[in-house]
Amino acid sequence: MRAILLTGHGGPDKLQLDAERPVPDVAPDEVLVKVGACGINNTDIWVREGAYGSSDDPEEVASFGDSPLRFPLVQGADIAGVIADTGAAVEASRIGERVMVDFGIYSGSGEDVPSHDYIGSGRPGGFADYVAVPAENAHAVETTLTDAELATFCCAYVTGEHMLRRTRVAAGERVLVTGASGGVGSGVIQLCRARGAIPYAVVGAGKEDAVKAIGAEGTVTRGQGELVDVVAALMDGKAIDVVVDTVSGPMLPDLLEILRPQGRYATCGAMAGAMVEIDMRRVYLKNLEIHGATQGTRRDFVAIRDYALSGAIKPLLARTYPLAEIGRAQDDFKRKDFVGKLVLEIN
């Protein structure tokens, strides 16, 4: 089969197409998925670059999770396709099922156990013709959505759902979302609307109308004016209950200032800078909550699956690419000149 191999930490040259990779063996409790499409995430690029740092050295080349990666690695977490084979402990009747794959690798059996690693990191992923996954992770779907559309939901929306659930976002609450045109941010806009919350967006210039079309009540253009003042003018006296931040960096102190007393802040990324300085007095004097969120839980994945199948959230498929053009796709991803998700079609 064909597979994209990550051969080490570094640039796009570390991604190599292997056209003669063996089809994965299937363990008794696994299924073999013929991959139809696999989404691209920022995590794929950060893992390739070794950009996660460590608690001792934020500039250290380090992988996601607690263990170093084993190269070569097949990445790709957002998998949609069809079951092509089953392990001995799995009903053979599942062959032919269309599936959407929960990418989480869990250390326990509960529905609220957070994933500690993911398919495409701790085990081979979906940037290939076939991938073997635990049978419980392959969720059957009956839908008119294409595989490419299904592959827009998994990692980004699950992460967004995890943040909204952790911060207990409720109907009627106002949520400020940074990086709102990206995969997680655009997903959070839709997920807020699905639960009756009111999202507002911080976006780059030129993306305001697109994000409003997704569901943002109003937008603030990043870098135009003082953020605290611009958001205050947008809100016209109304409070921001929750900030969902996918960007972090220098705007973090302003985001904490924007929150109402007893407000909640959640972050899942640090694209604008990992090392930040904040006034801790603002945190404790305002009784703020701060949540970090990585990926999600089985409960979060099921929520996203059900939202997607019911039409409560829509796929935001910006572009598709053939498997061999993963380098171009990742270059386009880093340019951030799109709204939604980029997806590899495996055919």
C-alpha atoms as a PDB file:
ATOM      1  CA  MET A   1       0.000   0.000   0.000  1.00  0.00           C
ATOM      2  CA  ARG A   2       0.968   3.670  -0.141  1.00  0.00           C
ATOM      3  CA  ALA A   3       1.842   5.540   3.053  1.00  0.00           C
ATOM      4  CA  ILE A   4       3.433   8.851   3.983  1.00  0.00           C
ATOM      5  CA  LEU A   5       6.291   8.177   6.389  1.00  0.00           C
ATOM      6  CA  LEU A   6       7.549  10.770   8.855  1.00  0.00           C
ATOM      7  CA  THR A   7      11.228   9.826   9.038  1.00  0.00           C
ATOM      8  CA  GLY A   8      12.317  12.259  11.757  1.00  0.00           C
ATOM      9  CA  HIS A   9      11.858  15.713  13.207  1.00  0.00           C
ATOM     10  CA  GLY A  10      12.390  18.517  10.720  1.00  0.00           C
ATOM     11  CA  GLY A  11      10.952  20.108   7.612  1.00  0.00           C
ATOM     12  CA  PRO A  12       8.652  18.758   4.859  1.00  0.00           C
ATOM     13  CA  ASP A  13      11.598  16.770   3.495  1.00  0.00           C
ATOM     14  CA  LYS A  14      11.053  14.397   6.429  1.00  0.00           C
ATOM     15  CA  LEU A  15       7.787  13.250   4.800  1.00  0.00           C
ATOM     16  CA  GLN A  16       8.407  10.450   2.312  1.00  0.00           C
ATOM     17  CA  LEU A  17       5.945   8.508   0.160  1.00  0.00           C
ATOM     18  CA  ASP A  18       6.407   4.738   0.448  1.00  0.00           C
ATOM     19  CA  ALA A  19       4.428   3.026  -2.316  1.00  0.00           C
ATOM     20  CA  GLU A  20       5.264  -0.507  -1.132  1.00  0.00           C
ATOM     21  CA  ARG A  21       4.503  -0.410   2.571  1.00  0.00           C
ATOM     22  CA  PRO A  22       2.919  -3.640   3.885  1.00  0.00           C
ATOM     23  CA  VAL A  23      -0.776  -3.487   4.735  1.00  0.00           C
ATOM     24  CA  PRO A  24      -1.027  -3.492   8.564  1.00  0.00           C
ATOM     25  CA  ASP A  25      -1.726  -6.739  10.383  1.00  0.00           C
ATOM     26  CA  VAL A  26      -4.983  -6.721  12.350  1.00  0.00           C
ATOM     27  CA  ALA A  27      -4.961  -7.744  16.017  1.00  0.00           C
ATOM     28  CA  PRO A  28      -7.927  -9.759  17.339  1.00  0.00           C
ATOM     29  CA  ASP A  29      -9.737  -6.672  18.723  1.00  0.00           C
ATOM     30  CA  GLU A  30      -8.992  -4.420  15.743  1.00  0.00           C
ATOM     31  CA  VAL A  31     -10.413  -3.603  12.333  1.00  0.00           C
ATOM     32  CA  LEU A  32      -8.620  -2.702   9.121  1.00  0.00           C
ATOM     33  CA  VAL A  33      -9.927   0.519   7.588  1.00  0.00           C
ATOM     34  CA  LYS A  34      -9.574   1.373   3.909  1.00  0.00           C
ATOM     35  CA  VAL A  35      -8.940   5.078   4.306  1.00  0.00           C
ATOM     36  CA  GLY A  36     -11.084   7.366   2.168  1.00  0.00           C
ATOM     37  CA  ALA A  37      -9.858  10.660   3.577  1.00  0.00           C
ATOM     38  CA  CYS A  38      -7.747  11.992   6.423  1.00  0.00           C
ATOM     39  CA  GLY A  39      -7.712  15.555   7.722  1.00  0.00           C
ATOM     40  CA  ILE A  40      -4.650  17.688   8.394  1.00  0.00           C
ATOM     41  CA  ASN A  41      -4.078  19.237  11.813  1.00  0.00           C
ATOM     42  CA  ASN A  42      -1.637  21.677  13.314  1.00  0.00           C
ATOM     43  CA  THR A  43      -0.515  18.827  15.580  1.00  0.00           C
ATOM     44  CA  ASP A  44       0.805  16.923  12.543  1.00  0.00           C
ATOM     45  CA  ILE A  45       3.122  19.816  11.734  1.00  0.00           C
ATOM     46  CA  TRP A  46       4.191  20.486  15.307  1.00  0.00           C
ATOM     47  CA  VAL A  47       5.013  16.806  15.793  1.00  0.00           C
ATOM     48  CA  ARG A  48       7.040  16.822  12.577  1.00  0.00           C
ATOM     49  CA  GLU A  49       8.887  19.925  13.729  1.00  0.00           C
ATOM     50  CA  GLY A  50       9.300  18.634  17.302  1.00  0.00           C
ATOM     51  CA  ALA A  51       7.824  21.925  18.476  1.00  0.00           C
ATOM     52  CA  TYR A  52       6.338  20.843  21.817  1.00  0.00           C
ATOM     53  CA  GLY A  53       9.334  21.682  23.987  1.00  0.00           C
ATOM     54  CA  SER A  54       9.685  20.386  27.537  1.00  0.00           C
ATOM     55  CA  SER A  55       9.084  21.663  31.049  1.00  0.00           C
ATOM     56  CA  ASP A  56      12.838  22.217  31.388  1.00  0.00           C
ATOM     57  CA  ASP A  57      13.446  23.781  27.982  1.00  0.00           C
ATOM     58  CA  PRO A  58      10.609  25.275  25.916  1.00  0.00           C
ATOM     59  CA  GLU A  59      12.864  25.298  22.843  1.00  0.00           C
ATOM     60  CA  GLU A  60      13.767  21.610  23.069  1.00  0.00           C
ATOM     61  CA  VAL A  61      12.851  19.471  20.057  1.00  0.00           C
ATOM     62  CA  ALA A  62      10.235  17.207  21.569  1.00  0.00           C
ATOM     63  CA  SER A  63       7.248  15.108  20.533  1.00  0.00           C
ATOM     64  CA  PHE A  64       3.642  15.158  21.657  1.00  0.00           C
ATOM     65  CA  GLY A  65       3.021  13.038  24.750  1.00  0.00           C
ATOM     66  CA  ASP A  66       5.330  11.419  27.256  1.00  0.00           C
ATOM     67  CA  SER A  67       7.287   9.092  24.970  1.00  0.00           C
ATOM     68  CA  PRO A  68       9.572   9.853  22.014  1.00  0.00           C
ATOM     69  CA  LEU A  69       8.177   8.950  18.614  1.00  0.00           C
ATOM     70  CA  ARG A  70       9.273   5.807  16.846  1.00  0.00           C
ATOM     71  CA  PHE A  71      10.332   6.681  13.306  1.00  0.00           C
ATOM     72  CA  PRO A  72       9.301   6.066  10.623  1.00  0.00           C
ATOM     73  CA  LEU A  73       5.761   6.988  11.635  1.00  0.00           C
ATOM     74  CA  VAL A  74       2.542   7.184   9.628  1.00  0.00           C
ATOM     75  CA  GLN A  75       0.696  10.251  10.924  1.00  0.00           C
ATOM     76  CA  GLY A  76      -2.945  11.238  10.383  1.00  0.00           C
ATOM     77  CA  ALA A  77      -5.667  11.369  13.052  1.00  0.00           C
ATOM     78  CA  ASP A  78      -8.846  12.438  11.222  1.00  0.00           C
ATOM     79  CA  ILE A  79      -9.770   9.169   9.510  1.00  0.00           C
ATOM     80  CA  ALA A  80     -12.897   8.285   7.560  1.00  0.00           C
ATOM     81  CA  GLY A  81     -13.303   5.197   5.396  1.00  0.00           C
ATOM     82  CA  VAL A  82     -14.666   1.655   5.158  1.00  0.00           C
ATOM     83  CA  ILE A  83     -13.846  -1.443   7.204  1.00  0.00           C
ATOM     84  CA  ALA A  84     -11.978  -3.849   4.935  1.00  0.00           C
ATOM     85  CA  ASP A  85     -11.179  -6.624   7.434  1.00  0.00           C
ATOM     86  CA  THR A  86     -11.747  -7.570  11.065  1.00  0.00           C
ATOM     87  CA  GLY A  87      -9.719  -9.224  13.776  1.00  0.00           C
ATOM     88  CA  ALA A  88     -10.657 -12.623  15.160  1.00  0.00           C
ATOM     89  CA  ALA A  89     -12.611 -11.132  18.095  1.00  0.00           C
ATOM     90  CA  VAL A  90     -14.644  -8.740  15.921  1.00  0.00           C
ATOM     91  CA  GLU A  91     -17.807  -9.662  14.041  1.00  0.00           C
ATOM     92  CA  ALA A  92     -17.000 -10.172  10.349  1.00  0.00           C
ATOM     93  CA  SER A  93     -20.354  -8.555   9.573  1.00  0.00           C
ATOM     94  CA  ARG A  94     -18.668  -5.208  10.190  1.00  0.00           C
ATOM     95  CA  ILE A  95     -16.757  -5.551   6.906  1.00  0.00           C
ATOM     96  CA  GLY A  96     -18.100  -2.922   4.541  1.00  0.00           C
ATOM     97  CA  GLU A  97     -19.199  -0.481   7.275  1.00  0.00           C
ATOM     98  CA  ARG A  98     -18.503   3.190   6.670  1.00  0.00           C
ATOM     99  CA  VAL A  99     -16.711   4.511   9.733  1.00  0.00           C
ATOM    100  CA  MET A 100     -15.466   7.672  11.360  1.00  0.00           C
ATOM    101  CA  VAL A 101     -12.495   6.897  13.632  1.00  0.00           C
ATOM    102  CA  ASP A 102     -12.092   8.143  17.200  1.00  0.00           C
ATOM    103  CA  PHE A 103      -8.402   9.059  17.174  1.00  0.00           C
ATOM    104  CA  GLY A 104      -7.967   8.860  20.974  1.00  0.00           C
ATOM    105  CA  ILE A 105      -5.688   6.374  22.718  1.00  0.00           C
ATOM    106  CA  TYR A 106      -7.082   5.938  26.230  1.00  0.00           C
ATOM    107  CA  SER A 107      -5.573   4.553  29.418  1.00  0.00           C
ATOM    108  CA  GLY A 108      -8.912   3.421  30.884  1.00  0.00           C
ATOM    109  CA  SER A 109     -12.380   2.257  29.907  1.00  0.00           C
ATOM    110  CA  GLY A 110     -14.542   5.154  31.107  1.00  0.00           C
ATOM    111  CA  GLU A 111     -16.260   7.545  28.714  1.00  0.00           C
ATOM    112  CA  ASP A 112     -14.707  10.545  30.476  1.00  0.00           C
ATOM    113  CA  VAL A 113     -11.105   9.282  30.502  1.00  0.00           C
ATOM    114  CA  PRO A 114      -9.084  11.825  28.490  1.00  0.00           C
ATOM    115  CA  SER A 115      -6.888  10.471  25.713  1.00  0.00           C
ATOM    116  CA  HIS A 116      -3.180  10.484  26.544  1.00  0.00           C
ATOM    117  CA  ASP A 117      -2.009   9.895  22.968  1.00  0.00           C
ATOM    118  CA  TYR A 118      -3.622   9.500  19.573  1.00  0.00           C
ATOM    119  CA  ILE A 119      -3.726   7.467  16.387  1.00  0.00           C
ATOM    120  CA  GLY A 120      -1.075   9.001  14.137  1.00  0.00           C
ATOM    121  CA  SER A 121       1.345   9.417  17.052  1.00  0.00           C
ATOM    122  CA  GLY A 122       1.283   6.537  19.523  1.00  0.00           C
ATOM    123  CA  ARG A 123       0.352   4.144  16.701  1.00  0.00           C
ATOM    124  CA  PRO A 124       0.212   4.442  12.873  1.00  0.00           C
ATOM    125  CA  GLY A 125      -2.428   6.752  11.464  1.00  0.00           C
ATOM    126  CA  GLY A 126      -4.405   7.493   8.352  1.00  0.00           C
ATOM    127  CA  PHE A 127      -1.959   9.070   5.897  1.00  0.00           C
ATOM    128  CA  ALA A 128      -2.030   5.726   4.083  1.00  0.00           C
ATOM    129  CA  ASP A 129      -4.286   3.469   2.049  1.00  0.00           C
ATOM    130  CA  TYR A 130      -5.055   1.316   5.096  1.00  0.00           C
ATOM    131  CA  VAL A 131      -4.869   1.679   8.883  1.00  0.00           C
ATOM    132  CA  ALA A 132      -5.533  -0.782  11.691  1.00  0.00           C
ATOM    133  CA  VAL A 133      -7.442   0.677  14.656  1.00  0.00           C
ATOM    134  CA  PRO A 134      -9.153  -0.716  17.766  1.00  0.00           C
ATOM    135  CA  ALA A 135     -12.632  -1.876  16.776  1.00  0.00           C
ATOM    136  CA  GLU A 136     -14.232   0.294  19.466  1.00  0.00           C
ATOM    137  CA  ASN A 137     -12.628   3.383  17.880  1.00  0.00           C
ATOM    138  CA  ALA A 138     -14.268   2.743  14.500  1.00  0.00           C
ATOM    139  CA  HIS A 139     -17.744   4.279  14.745  1.00  0.00           C
ATOM    140  CA  ALA A 140     -20.254   3.189  12.125  1.00  0.00           C
ATOM    141  CA  VAL A 141     -21.881   6.088  10.261  1.00  0.00           C
ATOM    142  CA  GLU A 142     -24.796   6.222   7.854  1.00  0.00           C
ATOM    143  CA  THR A 143     -24.697   9.578   6.125  1.00  0.00           C
ATOM    144  CA  THR A 144     -24.650  11.334   2.781  1.00  0.00           C
ATOM    145  CA  LEU A 145     -21.527  13.220   3.881  1.00  0.00           C
ATOM    146  CA  THR A 146     -18.422  12.291   1.903  1.00  0.00           C
ATOM    147  CA  ASP A 147     -15.332  10.828   3.547  1.00  0.00           C
ATOM    148  CA  ALA A 148     -13.552  14.157   3.038  1.00  0.00           C
ATOM    149  CA  GLU A 149     -16.382  15.957   4.831  1.00  0.00           C
ATOM    150  CA  LEU A 150     -16.381  13.450   7.696  1.00  0.00           C
ATOM    151  CA  ALA A 151     -12.612  13.921   8.032  1.00  0.00           C
ATOM    152  CA  THR A 152     -13.097  17.616   8.878  1.00  0.00           C
ATOM    153  CA  PHE A 153     -14.701  16.887  12.245  1.00  0.00           C
ATOM    154  CA  CYS A 154     -12.586  14.555  14.321  1.00  0.00           C
ATOM    155  CA  CYS A 155      -9.582  16.136  16.022  1.00  0.00           C
ATOM    156  CA  ALA A 156     -10.566  19.821  15.788  1.00  0.00           C
ATOM    157  CA  TYR A 157     -14.184  19.453  16.843  1.00  0.00           C
ATOM    158  CA  VAL A 158     -13.461  16.925  19.593  1.00  0.00           C
ATOM    159  CA  THR A 159     -10.890  19.321  21.034  1.00  0.00           C
ATOM    160  CA  GLY A 160     -13.426  22.150  20.815  1.00  0.00           C
ATOM    161  CA  GLU A 161     -16.146  20.080  22.484  1.00  0.00           C
ATOM    162  CA  HIS A 162     -13.717  19.150  25.250  1.00  0.00           C
ATOM    163  CA  MET A 163     -13.022  22.823  25.979  1.00  0.00           C
ATOM    164  CA  LEU A 164     -16.697  23.799  25.949  1.00  0.00           C
ATOM    165  CA  ARG A 165     -17.618  20.900  28.210  1.00  0.00           C
ATOM    166  CA  ARG A 166     -14.747  21.597  30.621  1.00  0.00           C
ATOM    167  CA  THR A 167     -15.813  25.234  30.895  1.00  0.00           C
ATOM    168  CA  ARG A 168     -19.499  24.261  31.228  1.00  0.00           C
ATOM    169  CA  VAL A 169     -20.669  26.540  28.414  1.00  0.00           C
ATOM    170  CA  ALA A 170     -24.448  26.828  28.630  1.00  0.00           C
ATOM    171  CA  ALA A 171     -27.244  28.234  26.508  1.00  0.00           C
ATOM    172  CA  GLY A 172     -27.267  32.020  26.482  1.00  0.00           C
ATOM    173  CA  GLU A 173     -23.625  32.430  27.547  1.00  0.00           C
ATOM    174  CA  ARG A 174     -21.276  34.548  25.460  1.00  0.00           C
ATOM    175  CA  VAL A 175     -18.044  32.977  24.270  1.00  0.00           C
ATOM    176  CA  LEU A 176     -15.070  34.762  22.696  1.00  0.00           C
ATOM    177  CA  VAL A 177     -13.134  32.486  20.319  1.00  0.00           C
ATOM    178  CA  THR A 178      -9.628  33.248  19.067  1.00  0.00           C
ATOM    179  CA  GLY A 179      -8.254  31.744  15.864  1.00  0.00           C
ATOM    180  CA  ALA A 180     -11.883  31.417  14.845  1.00  0.00           C
ATOM    181  CA  SER A 181     -11.204  30.676  11.168  1.00  0.00           C
ATOM    182  CA  GLY A 182      -9.034  27.631  11.920  1.00  0.00           C
ATOM    183  CA  GLY A 183     -10.157  24.046  12.361  1.00  0.00           C
ATOM    184  CA  VAL A 184     -10.728  24.176  16.128  1.00  0.00           C
ATOM    185  CA  GLY A 185     -11.960  27.773  16.200  1.00  0.00           C
ATOM    186  CA  SER A 186     -14.485  27.364  13.399  1.00  0.00           C
ATOM    187  CA  GLY A 187     -15.657  24.149  15.036  1.00  0.00           C
ATOM    188  CA  VAL A 188     -16.139  25.938  18.374  1.00  0.00           C
ATOM    189  CA  ILE A 189     -18.274  28.601  16.675  1.00  0.00           C
ATOM    190  CA  GLN A 190     -20.637  25.885  15.442  1.00  0.00           C
ATOM    191  CA  LEU A 191     -20.552  23.937  18.708  1.00  0.00           C
ATOM    192  CA  CYS A 192     -21.503  27.058  20.654  1.00  0.00           C
ATOM    193  CA  ARG A 193     -24.565  27.503  18.455  1.00  0.00           C
ATOM    194  CA  ALA A 194     -25.436  23.808  18.800  1.00  0.00           C
ATOM    195  CA  ARG A 195     -25.697  24.219  22.594  1.00  0.00           C
ATOM    196  CA  GLY A 196     -27.398  27.631  22.437  1.00  0.00           C
ATOM    197  CA  ALA A 197     -24.390  29.740  23.399  1.00  0.00           C
ATOM    198  CA  ILE A 198     -23.503  32.969  21.573  1.00  0.00           C
ATOM    199  CA  PRO A 199     -20.030  32.984  19.952  1.00  0.00           C
ATOM    200  CA  TYR A 200     -17.928  36.025  19.084  1.00  0.00           C
ATOM    201  CA  ALA A 201     -14.755  35.690  17.040  1.00  0.00           C
ATOM    202  CA  VAL A 202     -11.234  37.099  16.879  1.00  0.00           C
ATOM    203  CA  VAL A 203     -10.063  36.586  13.281  1.00  0.00           C
ATOM    204  CA  GLY A 204      -7.501  37.747  10.764  1.00  0.00           C
ATOM    205  CA  ALA A 205      -8.344  40.515   8.327  1.00  0.00           C
ATOM    206  CA  GLY A 206     -10.505  39.396   5.422  1.00  0.00           C
ATOM    207  CA  LYS A 207     -12.098  36.439   7.210  1.00  0.00           C
ATOM    208  CA  GLU A 208     -14.778  38.324   9.131  1.00  0.00           C
ATOM    209  CA  ASP A 209     -17.692  37.608   6.799  1.00  0.00           C
ATOM    210  CA  ALA A 210     -16.806  33.926   6.439  1.00  0.00           C
ATOM    211  CA  VAL A 211     -16.759  33.444  10.209  1.00  0.00           C
ATOM    212  CA  LYS A 212     -20.063  35.291  10.618  1.00  0.00           C
ATOM    213  CA  ALA A 213     -21.527  32.940   8.026  1.00  0.00           C
ATOM    214  CA  ILE A 214     -20.486  30.001  10.218  1.00  0.00           C
ATOM    215  CA  GLY A 215     -22.374  31.459  13.156  1.00  0.00           C
ATOM    216  CA  ALA A 216     -20.342  34.163  14.892  1.00  0.00           C
ATOM    217  CA  GLU A 217     -22.548  36.867  16.395  1.00  0.00           C
ATOM    218  CA  GLY A 218     -19.815  39.433  15.820  1.00  0.00           C
ATOM    219  CA  THR A 219     -16.127  39.626  14.981  1.00  0.00           C
ATOM    220  CA  VAL A 220     -12.997  41.484  16.031  1.00  0.00           C
ATOM    221  CA  THR A 221     -10.160  41.789  13.543  1.00  0.00           C
ATOM    222  CA  ARG A 222      -6.882  40.694  15.075  1.00  0.00           C
ATOM    223  CA  GLY A 223      -4.278  43.450  15.357  1.00  0.00           C
ATOM    224  CA  GLN A 224      -6.641  46.342  14.686  1.00  0.00           C
ATOM    225  CA  GLY A 225      -6.842  48.441  17.843  1.00  0.00           C
ATOM    226  CA  GLU A 226      -6.472  47.538  21.507  1.00  0.00           C
ATOM    227  CA  LEU A 227      -8.181  44.182  21.980  1.00  0.00           C
ATOM    228  CA  VAL A 228      -9.817  45.002  25.323  1.00  0.00           C
ATOM    229  CA  ASP A 229     -11.306  48.242  23.975  1.00  0.00           C
ATOM    230  CA  VAL A 230     -12.416  46.752  20.657  1.00  0.00           C
ATOM    231  CA  VAL A 231     -14.157  43.809  22.340  1.00  0.00           C
ATOM    232  CA  ALA A 232     -15.821  46.154  24.843  1.00  0.00           C
ATOM    233  CA  ALA A 233     -17.193  48.227  21.975  1.00  0.00           C
ATOM    234  CA  LEU A 234     -18.440  45.107  20.194  1.00  0.00           C
ATOM    235  CA  MET A 235     -20.184  43.812  23.325  1.00  0.00           C
ATOM    236  CA  ASP A 236     -21.806  47.176  24.202  1.00  0.00           C
ATOM    237  CA  GLY A 237     -22.003  46.429  27.910  1.00  0.00           C
ATOM    238  CA  LYS A 238     -22.613  42.679  27.655  1.00  0.00           C
ATOM    239  CA  ALA A 239     -20.178  40.352  29.418  1.00  0.00           C
ATOM    240  CA  ILE A 240     -17.919  37.632  28.002  1.00  0.00           C
ATOM    241  CA  ASP A 241     -18.509  34.513  30.099  1.00  0.00           C
ATOM    242  CA  VAL A 242     -15.931  32.210  28.492  1.00  0.00           C
ATOM    243  CA  VAL A 243     -12.829  32.636  26.343  1.00  0.00           C
ATOM    244  CA  VAL A 244     -11.811  29.719  24.114  1.00  0.00           C
ATOM    245  CA  ASP A 245      -8.257  30.445  23.004  1.00  0.00           C
ATOM    246  CA  THR A 246      -6.525  28.470  20.267  1.00  0.00           C
ATOM    247  CA  VAL A 247      -3.726  31.018  19.797  1.00  0.00           C
ATOM    248  CA  SER A 248      -2.326  32.234  23.162  1.00  0.00           C
ATOM    249  CA  GLY A 249       0.841  34.369  22.917  1.00  0.00           C
ATOM    250  CA  PRO A 250       0.872  38.115  23.637  1.00  0.00           C
ATOM    251  CA  MET A 251      -2.910  38.548  23.636  1.00  0.00           C
ATOM    252  CA  LEU A 252      -3.401  36.260  26.671  1.00  0.00           C
ATOM    253  CA  PRO A 253      -3.315  39.044  29.309  1.00  0.00           C
ATOM    254  CA  ASP A 254      -5.966  40.954  27.362  1.00  0.00           C
ATOM    255  CA  LEU A 255      -8.152  37.853  27.070  1.00  0.00           C
ATOM    256  CA  LEU A 256      -8.103  37.407  30.845  1.00  0.00           C
ATOM    257  CA  GLU A 257      -8.919  41.092  31.272  1.00  0.00           C
ATOM    258  CA  ILE A 258     -11.880  40.753  28.892  1.00  0.00           C
ATOM    259  CA  LEU A 259     -13.476  37.960  30.952  1.00  0.00           C
ATOM    260  CA  ARG A 260     -16.163  38.870  33.462  1.00  0.00           C
ATOM    261  CA  PRO A 261     -15.511  38.115  37.155  1.00  0.00           C
ATOM    262  CA  GLN A 262     -15.783  34.334  37.703  1.00  0.00           C
ATOM    263  CA  GLY A 263     -15.351  33.825  33.977  1.00  0.00           C
ATOM    264  CA  ARG A 264     -13.705  30.757  32.467  1.00  0.00           C
ATOM    265  CA  TYR A 265     -10.749  30.506  30.097  1.00  0.00           C
ATOM    266  CA  ALA A 266      -9.732  27.421  28.084  1.00  0.00           C
ATOM    267  CA  THR A 267      -6.801  26.922  25.751  1.00  0.00           C
ATOM    268  CA  CYS A 268      -5.736  24.138  23.418  1.00  0.00           C
ATOM    269  CA  GLY A 269      -2.871  25.784  21.538  1.00  0.00           C
ATOM    270  CA  ALA A 270      -0.052  28.283  21.512  1.00  0.00           C
ATOM    271  CA  MET A 271       0.487  29.167  17.855  1.00  0.00           C
ATOM    272  CA  ALA A 272       1.269  32.805  18.691  1.00  0.00           C
ATOM    273  CA  GLY A 273       3.772  31.921  21.397  1.00  0.00           C
ATOM    274  CA  ALA A 274       4.106  29.374  24.182  1.00  0.00           C
ATOM    275  CA  MET A 275       5.832  31.547  26.766  1.00  0.00           C
ATOM    276  CA  VAL A 276       3.595  34.328  28.096  1.00  0.00           C
ATOM    277  CA  GLU A 277       3.579  36.688  31.055  1.00  0.00           C
ATOM    278  CA  ILE A 278       0.362  37.452  32.921  1.00  0.00           C
ATOM    279  CA  ASP A 279      -0.578  39.414  36.022  1.00  0.00           C
ATOM    280  CA  MET A 280      -1.710  36.704  38.433  1.00  0.00           C
ATOM    281  CA  ARG A 281      -3.578  39.331  40.437  1.00  0.00           C
ATOM    282  CA  ARG A 282      -6.101  39.536  37.601  1.00  0.00           C
ATOM    283  CA  VAL A 283      -6.645  35.790  37.886  1.00  0.00           C
ATOM    284  CA  TYR A 284      -7.289  35.610  41.611  1.00  0.00           C
ATOM    285  CA  LEU A 285      -8.985  38.984  42.104  1.00  0.00           C
ATOM    286  CA  LYS A 286     -11.515  38.091  39.375  1.00  0.00           C
ATOM    287  CA  ASN A 287     -11.883  34.475  40.585  1.00  0.00           C
ATOM    288  CA  LEU A 288     -11.122  33.195  37.095  1.00  0.00           C
ATOM    289  CA  GLU A 289     -10.938  29.549  36.030  1.00  0.00           C
ATOM    290  CA  ILE A 290      -8.166  28.476  33.647  1.00  0.00           C
ATOM    291  CA  HIS A 291      -8.404  25.174  31.753  1.00  0.00           C
ATOM    292  CA  GLY A 292      -5.922  23.450  29.496  1.00  0.00           C
ATOM    293  CA  ALA A 293      -7.374  20.954  27.040  1.00  0.00           C
ATOM    294  CA  THR A 294      -5.693  18.410  24.808  1.00  0.00           C
ATOM    295  CA  GLN A 295      -7.814  16.324  22.455  1.00  0.00           C
ATOM    296  CA  GLY A 296     -10.817  14.904  24.337  1.00  0.00           C
ATOM    297  CA  THR A 297     -12.663  11.883  25.690  1.00  0.00           C
ATOM    298  CA  ARG A 298     -14.867   9.127  24.321  1.00  0.00           C
ATOM    299  CA  ARG A 299     -17.874  11.201  25.398  1.00  0.00           C
ATOM    300  CA  ASP A 300     -16.597  14.178  23.395  1.00  0.00           C
ATOM    301  CA  PHE A 301     -16.103  12.083  20.264  1.00  0.00           C
ATOM    302  CA  VAL A 302     -19.593  10.592  20.474  1.00  0.00           C
ATOM    303  CA  ALA A 303     -21.051  14.086  20.880  1.00  0.00           C
ATOM    304  CA  ILE A 304     -19.268  15.250  17.713  1.00  0.00           C
ATOM    305  CA  ARG A 305     -20.329  12.148  15.782  1.00  0.00           C
ATOM    306  CA  ASP A 306     -23.949  12.694  16.745  1.00  0.00           C
ATOM    307  CA  TYR A 307     -23.866  16.425  15.999  1.00  0.00           C
ATOM    308  CA  ALA A 308     -22.368  15.703  12.572  1.00  0.00           C
ATOM    309  CA  LEU A 309     -24.850  12.969  11.671  1.00  0.00           C
ATOM    310  CA  SER A 310     -27.807  15.083  12.793  1.00  0.00           C
ATOM    311  CA  GLY A 311     -26.663  18.126  10.816  1.00  0.00           C
ATOM    312  CA  ALA A 312     -26.271  20.277  13.943  1.00  0.00           C
ATOM    313  CA  ILE A 313     -22.719  21.011  12.776  1.00  0.00           C
ATOM    314  CA  LYS A 314     -21.595  21.271   9.167  1.00  0.00           C
ATOM    315  CA  PRO A 315     -18.329  20.236   7.504  1.00  0.00           C
ATOM    316  CA  LEU A 316     -16.116  23.194   6.623  1.00  0.00           C
ATOM    317  CA  LEU A 317     -14.045  21.587   3.886  1.00  0.00           C
ATOM    318  CA  ALA A 318     -11.741  24.274   2.523  1.00  0.00           C
ATOM    319  CA  ARG A 319      -9.588  22.181   0.141  1.00  0.00           C
ATOM    320  CA  THR A 320      -8.628  18.599  -0.665  1.00  0.00           C
ATOM    321  CA  TYR A 321      -5.306  17.165  -1.852  1.00  0.00           C
ATOM    322  CA  PRO A 322      -4.094  13.778  -3.076  1.00  0.00           C
ATOM    323  CA  LEU A 323      -1.975  11.781  -0.621  1.00  0.00           C
ATOM    324  CA  ALA A 324       1.287  12.463  -2.469  1.00  0.00           C
ATOM    325  CA  GLU A 325       0.806  16.233  -2.097  1.00  0.00           C
ATOM    326  CA  ILE A 326       0.930  16.287   1.693  1.00  0.00           C
ATOM    327  CA  GLY A 327       3.886  18.694   1.616  1.00  0.00           C
ATOM    328  CA  ARG A 328       1.905  21.260  -0.377  1.00  0.00           C
ATOM    329  CA  ALA A 329      -1.101  20.737   1.887  1.00  0.00           C
ATOM    330  CA  GLN A 330       0.955  21.405   5.010  1.00  0.00           C
ATOM    331  CA  ASP A 331       2.532  24.494   3.422  1.00  0.00           C
ATOM    332  CA  ASP A 332      -0.969  25.782   2.642  1.00  0.00           C
ATOM    333  CA  PHE A 333      -2.052  24.960   6.187  1.00  0.00           C
ATOM    334  CA  LYS A 334       0.718  27.119   7.645  1.00  0.00           C
ATOM    335  CA  ARG A 335      -0.300  30.067   5.450  1.00  0.00           C
ATOM    336  CA  LYS A 336      -3.711  30.164   7.146  1.00  0.00           C
ATOM    337  CA  ASP A 337      -5.414  31.658   4.100  1.00  0.00           C
ATOM    338  CA  PHE A 338      -8.536  29.487   4.437  1.00  0.00           C
ATOM    339  CA  VAL A 339     -11.478  28.901   6.757  1.00  0.00           C
ATOM    340  CA  GLY A 340     -12.127  25.394   8.066  1.00  0.00           C
ATOM    341  CA  LYS A 341     -10.119  22.269   7.264  1.00  0.00           C
ATOM    342  CA  LEU A 342      -7.696  20.861   4.696  1.00  0.00           C
ATOM    343  CA  VAL A 343      -8.065  17.157   3.920  1.00  0.00           C
ATOM    344  CA  LEU A 344      -6.085  14.481   2.081  1.00  0.00           C
ATOM    345  CA  GLU A 345      -8.229  12.256  -0.145  1.00  0.00           C
ATOM    346  CA  ILE A 346      -6.846   8.717  -0.263  1.00  0.00           C
ATOM    347  CA  ASN A 347      -7.922   7.071  -3.527  1.00  0.00           C
END
